[in-house]
Amino acid sequence: MSRMQEQKEQPAVPVFLGIDVSKASLDVFLHPVNRRLQLPNTITGIRKLIRLCRNFQVELIALEATGKYHRQAHQMLHEAHLTVAVINPYRSRKFADALGQLAKTDTIDAEVLARFAALMQPSATLPPSQEHKALRDLNVARRQALDEIGNLSRQLGTTDHPLAARQIRARIKMCERHQAVLEKEILQLIQTQDELRHRFEILTSIPGIGVVTASTLLTDLDELGQVNCREIAALAGVAPMNRDSGAKRGVRCIRGGRQQVRNMLYMCAVSVSRRNGMMGTFYRRLVEQGKNPKVALTAVARKLVILANTLITENRPWQLTAP
């Protein structure tokens, strides 16, 4: 179809576009014009997609996060001054379930994303900088090395054969070397970027937040300093959610959020709860009031991320006495 034909068929209503991303292709659906097509996930394919968006005057593009495979499309669409929202796959899948769309294919997912954009109107997502992407890749690699150390250590505990045990120990040592090198590279990258270094110094000034937690917050919680306390706690997955229905009042519990951030904050909470500082005192007071220790630790984790958000917003390091 020619560009002139496409322009003639433009509807009077706003057009929303959904993209299901894979390594090789981009499955595209335009709502409400019900147009679908597949383009290669290459620079040439994305350029064709940009022309399509301009021809139909697309109001909003919903793009599902798929690791590194969506990054190039996100960057190029943003540079073309098109509004793009990167959607968590969990949210789009739940939306599909709500629509009664139980089947899952690339073309169906693209349509679901387009309808999600039309109904939910998600906020635009800015593409990360090159430094941010590099820091995220290093953090993922470090996390994977740490996970492998844990898996190998558990395997070592169940192995009796001397050769197998010797090889497992060698692999653990190799992973530990990789972890150390990655952590050194993470620190060097942070120190070379003024903005990253400044935010990193604010975060590490908070008692209990160390190098690993600070770098995780920088990469996996971009919204720090841009949203309010309730929103940052929900994004981090440490906000208690109501479970009420009618006369029933269920126990509030945490759910959703970003797992890596939540896990890291929980480990920080375990550490600071054993100390004599502000967070340790807060934890012990909750336990003395009858709170379950795990609930109290979650409250400490929530207090940590809210404090981090506040300090980033106010652009100042933590102080024992509030200014």
Protein backbone atom coordinates (compact mmCIF):
# COMPACT_ATOMS: atom_id res chain seq x y z
CA MET A 1 0.00 0.00 0.00
CA SER A 2 1.34 3.43 -0.98
CA ARG A 3 1.82 6.29 1.47
CA MET A 4 -0.98 8.26 -0.24
CA GLN A 5 -3.40 5.35 0.22
CA GLU A 6 -2.45 5.07 3.89
CA GLN A 7 -3.04 8.77 4.42
CA LYS A 8 -6.47 8.56 2.83
CA GLU A 9 -7.47 5.78 5.21
CA GLN A 10 -6.49 7.65 8.35
CA PRO A 11 -9.38 7.51 10.84
CA ALA A 12 -10.77 10.54 12.60
CA VAL A 13 -10.08 8.92 15.99
CA PRO A 14 -6.65 8.65 17.68
CA VAL A 15 -4.53 5.70 16.57
CA PHE A 16 -2.58 3.53 19.02
CA LEU A 17 0.12 1.09 18.03
CA GLY A 18 1.26 -2.07 19.82
CA ILE A 19 4.55 -3.84 19.12
CA ASP A 20 5.42 -7.37 20.19
CA VAL A 21 9.20 -7.62 20.01
CA SER A 22 11.31 -10.67 19.31
CA LYS A 23 14.96 -11.04 18.36
CA ALA A 24 14.22 -11.17 14.63
CA SER A 25 10.94 -9.33 14.11
CA LEU A 26 8.47 -6.67 15.24
CA ASP A 27 4.81 -7.69 15.15
CA VAL A 28 2.74 -4.50 14.83
CA PHE A 29 -0.96 -3.77 15.35
CA LEU A 30 -2.74 -0.45 14.85
CA HIS A 31 -5.89 0.20 16.89
CA PRO A 32 -8.67 1.00 16.01
CA VAL A 33 -7.86 0.66 12.29
CA ASN A 34 -7.20 -3.08 12.78
CA ARG A 35 -4.07 -3.06 10.66
CA ARG A 36 -1.39 -5.64 11.43
CA LEU A 37 2.00 -6.32 9.87
CA GLN A 38 5.40 -7.77 10.66
CA LEU A 39 8.69 -5.96 10.18
CA PRO A 40 12.27 -7.09 10.73
CA ASN A 41 13.83 -5.98 14.01
CA THR A 42 16.55 -4.09 12.17
CA ILE A 43 17.38 -0.46 11.50
CA THR A 44 15.65 -0.71 8.11
CA GLY A 45 12.56 -2.32 9.61
CA ILE A 46 12.33 0.29 12.37
CA ARG A 47 12.63 3.10 9.83
CA LYS A 48 9.64 1.63 7.97
CA LEU A 49 7.80 1.50 11.29
CA ILE A 50 8.56 5.19 11.91
CA ARG A 51 7.12 6.11 8.50
CA LEU A 52 4.02 4.06 9.27
CA CYS A 53 3.55 5.85 12.60
CA ARG A 54 3.85 9.26 10.92
CA ASN A 55 1.43 8.32 8.14
CA PHE A 56 -1.22 7.28 10.65
CA GLN A 57 -0.31 10.03 13.13
CA VAL A 58 0.01 7.45 15.90
CA GLU A 59 -0.71 9.02 19.29
CA LEU A 60 0.97 6.43 21.51
CA ILE A 61 3.10 3.32 20.98
CA ALA A 62 3.08 0.45 23.51
CA LEU A 63 6.22 -1.63 23.40
CA GLU A 64 6.69 -4.72 25.55
CA ALA A 65 9.98 -4.92 27.46
CA THR A 66 11.99 -7.88 26.14
CA GLY A 67 15.48 -7.58 27.55
CA LYS A 68 17.83 -6.03 25.01
CA TYR A 69 15.72 -6.77 21.91
CA HIS A 70 13.39 -3.77 22.34
CA ARG A 71 16.13 -1.23 23.04
CA GLN A 72 16.98 -0.26 19.47
CA ALA A 73 13.33 0.21 18.48
CA HIS A 74 12.67 2.24 21.64
CA GLN A 75 15.67 4.49 21.00
CA MET A 76 14.92 5.10 17.31
CA LEU A 77 11.20 5.73 17.88
CA HIS A 78 12.03 8.21 20.66
CA GLU A 79 14.58 10.01 18.45
CA ALA A 80 11.84 10.28 15.79
CA HIS A 81 9.78 12.26 18.38
CA LEU A 82 7.19 9.50 18.76
CA THR A 83 5.64 8.80 22.17
CA VAL A 84 6.62 5.34 23.41
CA ALA A 85 5.59 3.52 26.60
CA VAL A 86 7.57 0.41 27.55
CA ILE A 87 5.17 -2.01 29.22
CA ASN A 88 5.97 -4.67 31.80
CA PRO A 89 4.99 -8.07 30.27
CA TYR A 90 3.18 -8.99 33.49
CA ARG A 91 0.84 -6.01 33.12
CA SER A 92 0.08 -6.72 29.47
CA ARG A 93 -0.60 -10.39 30.23
CA LYS A 94 -3.01 -9.50 33.03
CA PHE A 95 -4.71 -7.03 30.69
CA ALA A 96 -5.09 -9.79 28.08
CA ASP A 97 -6.66 -12.06 30.72
CA ALA A 98 -9.11 -9.27 31.62
CA LEU A 99 -10.09 -9.03 27.95
CA GLY A 100 -10.70 -12.78 27.89
CA GLN A 101 -7.80 -13.26 25.49
CA LEU A 102 -6.31 -16.50 26.77
CA ALA A 103 -4.41 -17.45 23.63
CA LYS A 104 -0.91 -16.03 23.22
CA THR A 105 0.80 -15.40 19.89
CA ASP A 106 2.97 -12.56 18.62
CA THR A 107 0.11 -11.03 16.61
CA ILE A 108 -2.33 -11.34 19.51
CA ASP A 109 0.19 -9.79 21.90
CA ALA A 110 0.67 -6.82 19.55
CA GLU A 111 -3.10 -6.23 19.45
CA VAL A 112 -3.34 -6.49 23.25
CA LEU A 113 -0.58 -3.89 23.62
CA ALA A 114 -2.31 -1.51 21.22
CA ARG A 115 -5.60 -1.82 23.12
CA PHE A 116 -3.71 -1.42 26.41
CA ALA A 117 -2.28 1.87 25.12
CA ALA A 118 -5.72 3.08 24.04
CA LEU A 119 -7.51 2.22 27.30
CA MET A 120 -4.82 2.71 29.94
CA GLN A 121 -2.92 5.65 28.41
CA PRO A 122 0.44 4.70 30.04
CA SER A 123 3.06 7.39 30.53
CA ALA A 124 5.88 7.73 28.04
CA THR A 125 9.13 5.93 28.85
CA LEU A 126 12.40 7.67 28.06
CA PRO A 127 15.16 5.40 26.72
CA PRO A 128 18.11 4.92 29.08
CA SER A 129 21.46 6.53 28.38
CA GLN A 130 24.39 4.48 27.13
CA GLU A 131 25.96 4.66 30.61
CA HIS A 132 22.74 3.48 32.22
CA LYS A 133 22.48 0.53 29.82
CA ALA A 134 26.11 -0.42 30.48
CA LEU A 135 25.56 -0.24 34.24
CA ARG A 136 22.43 -2.40 33.97
CA ASP A 137 24.27 -5.04 31.90
CA LEU A 138 27.09 -5.15 34.47
CA ASN A 139 24.61 -5.47 37.33
CA VAL A 140 22.79 -8.32 35.59
CA ALA A 141 26.09 -10.13 34.97
CA ARG A 142 27.11 -9.67 38.61
CA ARG A 143 23.74 -10.96 39.82
CA GLN A 144 24.02 -14.00 37.56
CA ALA A 145 27.52 -14.76 38.87
CA LEU A 146 26.21 -14.53 42.44
CA ASP A 147 23.27 -16.80 41.64
CA GLU A 148 25.61 -19.34 40.11
CA ILE A 149 27.80 -19.27 43.23
CA GLY A 150 24.72 -20.06 45.32
CA ASN A 151 23.63 -22.89 43.03
CA LEU A 152 27.11 -24.41 42.95
CA SER A 153 27.46 -24.14 46.74
CA ARG A 154 24.21 -26.06 47.21
CA GLN A 155 25.35 -28.64 44.70
CA LEU A 156 28.67 -29.01 46.54
CA GLY A 157 26.76 -29.85 49.72
CA THR A 158 25.15 -32.86 48.03
CA THR A 159 28.25 -34.18 46.20
CA ASP A 160 30.39 -37.01 47.58
CA HIS A 161 32.63 -37.72 44.60
CA PRO A 162 36.07 -36.05 45.01
CA LEU A 163 36.43 -35.14 41.32
CA ALA A 164 32.98 -33.58 41.09
CA ALA A 165 33.55 -31.66 44.33
CA ARG A 166 36.94 -30.40 43.10
CA GLN A 167 35.47 -29.15 39.83
CA ILE A 168 32.56 -27.46 41.63
CA ARG A 169 34.99 -25.63 43.95
CA ALA A 170 37.00 -24.48 40.92
CA ARG A 171 33.85 -23.13 39.27
CA ILE A 172 32.86 -21.33 42.48
CA LYS A 173 36.27 -19.65 42.62
CA MET A 174 35.95 -18.63 38.95
CA CYS A 175 32.53 -17.09 39.59
CA GLU A 176 33.89 -15.26 42.63
CA ARG A 177 36.68 -13.79 40.47
CA HIS A 178 34.11 -12.72 37.87
CA GLN A 179 31.96 -11.16 40.59
CA ALA A 180 34.91 -9.17 41.95
CA VAL A 181 35.90 -7.92 38.47
CA LEU A 182 32.30 -6.92 37.67
CA GLU A 183 31.92 -5.03 40.95
CA LYS A 184 35.17 -3.16 40.24
CA GLU A 185 33.93 -2.28 36.74
CA ILE A 186 30.59 -1.08 38.15
CA LEU A 187 32.38 1.28 40.54
CA GLN A 188 34.66 2.59 37.79
CA LEU A 189 31.71 3.26 35.49
CA ILE A 190 29.84 5.14 38.22
CA GLN A 191 32.90 7.26 39.03
CA THR A 192 33.32 8.35 35.40
CA GLN A 193 29.80 9.86 35.17
CA ASP A 194 29.07 12.98 37.22
CA GLU A 195 25.30 12.40 37.51
CA LEU A 196 25.65 8.72 38.40
CA ARG A 197 28.44 9.45 40.89
CA HIS A 198 26.42 12.16 42.62
CA ARG A 199 23.31 9.98 43.00
CA PHE A 200 25.49 7.05 44.07
CA GLU A 201 27.13 9.16 46.82
CA ILE A 202 23.69 10.21 48.12
CA LEU A 203 22.47 6.61 48.23
CA THR A 204 25.59 5.19 49.90
CA SER A 205 25.41 7.92 52.56
CA ILE A 206 22.32 6.13 53.93
CA PRO A 207 23.28 3.65 56.70
CA GLY A 208 22.75 0.13 55.40
CA ILE A 209 22.88 0.91 51.68
CA GLY A 210 26.16 -0.26 50.20
CA VAL A 211 27.73 -0.34 46.75
CA VAL A 212 25.67 -3.24 45.35
CA THR A 213 22.32 -1.94 46.62
CA ALA A 214 23.04 1.59 45.41
CA SER A 215 23.98 0.40 41.91
CA THR A 216 20.84 -1.77 41.81
CA LEU A 217 18.65 1.20 42.76
CA LEU A 218 20.33 3.34 40.09
CA THR A 219 19.67 0.82 37.32
CA ASP A 220 16.40 -0.85 38.32
CA LEU A 221 14.57 2.05 39.99
CA ASP A 222 14.94 4.97 37.57
CA GLU A 223 11.98 6.74 39.16
CA LEU A 224 13.92 7.65 42.32
CA GLY A 225 13.42 11.34 42.98
CA GLN A 226 10.64 11.66 40.37
CA VAL A 227 7.62 10.17 42.18
CA ASN A 228 6.09 10.41 45.64
CA CYS A 229 6.68 8.11 48.62
CA ARG A 230 3.71 5.81 47.99
CA GLU A 231 4.59 5.37 44.33
CA ILE A 232 8.27 4.57 44.98
CA ALA A 233 7.31 1.99 47.63
CA ALA A 234 4.90 0.34 45.18
CA LEU A 235 7.49 0.34 42.38
CA ALA A 236 10.01 -1.26 44.73
CA GLY A 237 7.46 -3.91 45.73
CA VAL A 238 7.47 -3.06 49.46
CA ALA A 239 4.09 -1.31 49.72
CA PRO A 240 1.37 -3.25 51.61
CA MET A 241 -1.68 -3.89 49.43
CA ASN A 242 -5.22 -4.17 50.80
CA ARG A 243 -7.08 -7.47 50.41
CA ASP A 244 -10.60 -6.39 51.41
CA SER A 245 -13.89 -7.57 49.95
CA GLY A 246 -17.29 -6.71 51.41
CA ALA A 247 -17.19 -7.29 55.15
CA LYS A 248 -13.96 -9.26 54.88
CA ARG A 249 -10.74 -7.49 55.89
CA GLY A 250 -7.79 -9.50 54.67
CA VAL A 251 -4.19 -9.25 55.81
CA ARG A 252 -2.32 -6.62 53.84
CA CYS A 253 0.73 -7.96 52.05
CA ILE A 254 3.30 -6.79 49.54
CA ARG A 255 2.99 -7.80 45.91
CA GLY A 256 4.24 -6.78 42.49
CA GLY A 257 7.02 -4.27 42.10
CA ARG A 258 10.53 -5.05 40.93
CA GLN A 259 11.81 -8.26 42.40
CA GLN A 260 15.54 -7.45 42.28
CA VAL A 261 15.00 -4.14 44.06
CA ARG A 262 12.71 -5.72 46.66
CA ASN A 263 15.18 -8.53 47.38
CA MET A 264 18.08 -6.12 47.75
CA LEU A 265 16.14 -3.79 50.06
CA TYR A 266 15.05 -6.74 52.21
CA MET A 267 18.67 -7.86 52.66
CA CYS A 268 19.60 -4.29 53.63
CA ALA A 269 16.73 -4.29 56.13
CA VAL A 270 18.04 -7.51 57.69
CA SER A 271 21.47 -5.91 58.08
CA VAL A 272 20.40 -2.54 59.53
CA SER A 273 17.83 -4.12 61.88
CA ARG A 274 20.72 -5.64 63.84
CA ARG A 275 22.40 -2.29 64.43
CA ASN A 276 21.82 0.43 66.98
CA GLY A 277 20.94 3.19 64.53
CA MET A 278 17.64 4.73 63.50
CA MET A 279 16.50 1.73 61.43
CA GLY A 280 17.46 -0.79 64.11
CA THR A 281 15.50 1.16 66.70
CA PHE A 282 12.51 1.36 64.33
CA TYR A 283 12.62 -2.41 63.73
CA ARG A 284 12.82 -3.31 67.42
CA ARG A 285 9.96 -0.96 68.25
CA LEU A 286 7.71 -2.66 65.70
CA VAL A 287 8.58 -6.12 67.03
CA GLU A 288 7.91 -4.98 70.60
CA GLN A 289 4.49 -3.76 69.43
CA GLY A 290 3.69 -7.30 68.31
CA LYS A 291 4.54 -7.09 64.62
CA ASN A 292 5.76 -10.24 62.90
CA PRO A 293 9.56 -9.92 62.36
CA LYS A 294 9.15 -10.34 58.59
CA VAL A 295 6.51 -7.63 58.53
CA ALA A 296 8.82 -5.38 60.54
CA LEU A 297 11.69 -6.06 58.13
CA THR A 298 9.44 -5.15 55.20
CA ALA A 299 8.57 -1.90 56.97
CA VAL A 300 12.30 -1.16 57.34
CA ALA A 301 12.85 -1.89 53.64
CA ARG A 302 10.00 0.49 52.79
CA LYS A 303 11.48 3.17 55.05
CA LEU A 304 14.87 2.77 53.32
CA VAL A 305 13.54 3.25 49.79
CA ILE A 306 11.35 6.19 50.85
CA LEU A 307 14.39 7.80 52.51
CA ALA A 308 16.44 7.22 49.35
CA ASN A 309 13.70 8.79 47.24
CA THR A 310 13.46 11.80 49.54
CA LEU A 311 17.21 12.44 49.55
CA ILE A 312 17.47 12.14 45.75
CA THR A 313 14.53 14.56 45.44
CA GLU A 314 16.14 17.05 47.83
CA ASN A 315 19.58 16.47 46.27
CA ARG A 316 21.40 16.00 49.56
CA PRO A 317 23.20 13.19 51.45
CA TRP A 318 21.82 11.57 54.59
CA GLN A 319 22.56 13.33 57.87
CA LEU A 320 22.10 12.12 61.41
CA THR A 321 20.12 15.27 62.15
CA ALA A 322 17.61 16.38 59.52
CA PRO A 323 18.36 19.89 58.16
